[in-house]
C-alpha cells in the first residue's frame, strides 16, 4: 500500500547501511521478504546506540561460534 512505499522510501532507504543488521542476525536467508521488511521497520523506528551494540554483539557471537544462522 501507499504507506508502506512512503515509509520504506523515507525511513528505511535513507538510513545509512551498516555492517550488520537486525534481519541478518535474526535469520537472514530463512526469513521471508515480509518478515525482513518488518524487522527493518522495527529497527528504523527504534534506532538506539544500545540497540546497535546488541546487534553487533549478536553478530560477533554468531560469526565466532560458526552459527549457520547467517
C-alpha atoms as a PDB file:
ATOM      1  CA  UNK A   1       0.000   0.000   0.000  1.00  0.00           C
ATOM      2  CA  UNK A   2       0.972   3.653  -0.214  1.00  0.00           C
ATOM      3  CA  UNK A   3       2.003   3.933   3.439  1.00  0.00           C
ATOM      4  CA  UNK A   4       4.438   1.042   3.074  1.00  0.00           C
ATOM      5  CA  UNK A   5       6.040   2.545  -0.014  1.00  0.00           C
ATOM      6  CA  UNK A   6       6.328   6.005   1.513  1.00  0.00           C
ATOM      7  CA  UNK A   7       7.664   4.612   4.790  1.00  0.00           C
ATOM      8  CA  UNK A   8      10.291   2.471   3.113  1.00  0.00           C
ATOM      9  CA  UNK A   9      11.449   5.272   0.864  1.00  0.00           C
ATOM     10  CA  UNK A  10      11.587   7.901   3.590  1.00  0.00           C
ATOM     11  CA  UNK A  11      12.876   5.850   6.521  1.00  0.00           C
ATOM     12  CA  UNK A  12      14.494   2.575   5.550  1.00  0.00           C
ATOM     13  CA  UNK A  13      16.231   3.721   2.400  1.00  0.00           C
ATOM     14  CA  UNK A  14      17.511   6.931   3.945  1.00  0.00           C
ATOM     15  CA  UNK A  15      19.014   5.106   6.920  1.00  0.00           C
ATOM     16  CA  UNK A  16      22.723   4.615   6.427  1.00  0.00           C
ATOM     17  CA  UNK A  17      23.656   0.981   5.874  1.00  0.00           C
ATOM     18  CA  UNK A  18      25.861  -0.760   8.380  1.00  0.00           C
ATOM     19  CA  UNK A  19      27.996  -3.861   8.560  1.00  0.00           C
ATOM     20  CA  UNK A  20      25.172  -5.937  10.010  1.00  0.00           C
ATOM     21  CA  UNK A  21      21.512  -5.577  10.782  1.00  0.00           C
ATOM     22  CA  UNK A  22      18.542  -6.876  12.705  1.00  0.00           C
ATOM     23  CA  UNK A  23      17.325  -9.068   9.836  1.00  0.00           C
ATOM     24  CA  UNK A  24      20.796 -10.548   9.374  1.00  0.00           C
ATOM     25  CA  UNK A  25      21.137 -11.634  12.999  1.00  0.00           C
ATOM     26  CA  UNK A  26      17.528 -12.804  13.215  1.00  0.00           C
ATOM     27  CA  UNK A  27      17.662 -15.353  10.443  1.00  0.00           C
ATOM     28  CA  UNK A  28      18.720 -13.697   7.211  1.00  0.00           C
ATOM     29  CA  UNK A  29      18.104 -16.189   4.401  1.00  0.00           C
ATOM     30  CA  UNK A  30      15.477 -18.111   6.367  1.00  0.00           C
ATOM     31  CA  UNK A  31      13.217 -15.060   6.661  1.00  0.00           C
ATOM     32  CA  UNK A  32      10.513 -14.115   4.212  1.00  0.00           C
ATOM     33  CA  UNK A  33      10.698 -10.749   2.493  1.00  0.00           C
ATOM     34  CA  UNK A  34       7.758  -9.597   4.607  1.00  0.00           C
ATOM     35  CA  UNK A  35       9.499 -10.546   7.871  1.00  0.00           C
ATOM     36  CA  UNK A  36      12.699  -8.776   6.754  1.00  0.00           C
ATOM     37  CA  UNK A  37      10.652  -5.640   6.000  1.00  0.00           C
ATOM     38  CA  UNK A  38       9.025  -5.826   9.441  1.00  0.00           C
ATOM     39  CA  UNK A  39      12.445  -6.088  11.089  1.00  0.00           C
ATOM     40  CA  UNK A  40      13.743  -3.151   9.037  1.00  0.00           C
ATOM     41  CA  UNK A  41      10.781  -1.049  10.179  1.00  0.00           C
ATOM     42  CA  UNK A  42      11.298  -2.097  13.780  1.00  0.00           C
ATOM     43  CA  UNK A  43      14.956  -1.128  13.607  1.00  0.00           C
ATOM     44  CA  UNK A  44      14.378   2.212  11.878  1.00  0.00           C
ATOM     45  CA  UNK A  45      11.632   3.192  14.318  1.00  0.00           C
ATOM     46  CA  UNK A  46      13.761   2.416  17.369  1.00  0.00           C
ATOM     47  CA  UNK A  47      17.362   3.225  16.438  1.00  0.00           C
ATOM     48  CA  UNK A  48      19.469   3.416  19.579  1.00  0.00           C
ATOM     49  CA  UNK A  49      23.144   3.128  20.352  1.00  0.00           C
ATOM     50  CA  UNK A  50      22.453   0.274  22.787  1.00  0.00           C
ATOM     51  CA  UNK A  51      20.332  -1.491  20.169  1.00  0.00           C
ATOM     52  CA  UNK A  52      23.183  -1.220  17.670  1.00  0.00           C
ATOM     53  CA  UNK A  53      25.606  -2.622  20.239  1.00  0.00           C
ATOM     54  CA  UNK A  54      23.289  -5.585  20.845  1.00  0.00           C
ATOM     55  CA  UNK A  55      23.080  -6.325  17.111  1.00  0.00           C
ATOM     56  CA  UNK A  56      26.863  -6.047  16.806  1.00  0.00           C
ATOM     57  CA  UNK A  57      27.335  -8.377  19.799  1.00  0.00           C
ATOM     58  CA  UNK A  58      24.938 -10.985  18.388  1.00  0.00           C
ATOM     59  CA  UNK A  59      26.737 -10.762  15.041  1.00  0.00           C
ATOM     60  CA  UNK A  60      30.118 -11.382  16.687  1.00  0.00           C
ATOM     61  CA  UNK A  61      28.777 -14.333  18.682  1.00  0.00           C
ATOM     62  CA  UNK A  62      27.311 -15.933  15.556  1.00  0.00           C
ATOM     63  CA  UNK A  63      30.443 -15.354  13.478  1.00  0.00           C
ATOM     64  CA  UNK A  64      32.853 -16.692  16.091  1.00  0.00           C
ATOM     65  CA  UNK A  65      30.652 -19.638  17.089  1.00  0.00           C
ATOM     66  CA  UNK A  66      30.236 -20.705  13.470  1.00  0.00           C
ATOM     67  CA  UNK A  67      26.478 -20.465  13.757  1.00  0.00           C
ATOM     68  CA  UNK A  68      24.727 -21.209  10.483  1.00  0.00           C
ATOM     69  CA  UNK A  69      22.044 -18.600  11.156  1.00  0.00           C
ATOM     70  CA  UNK A  70      23.567 -16.384   8.512  1.00  0.00           C
END
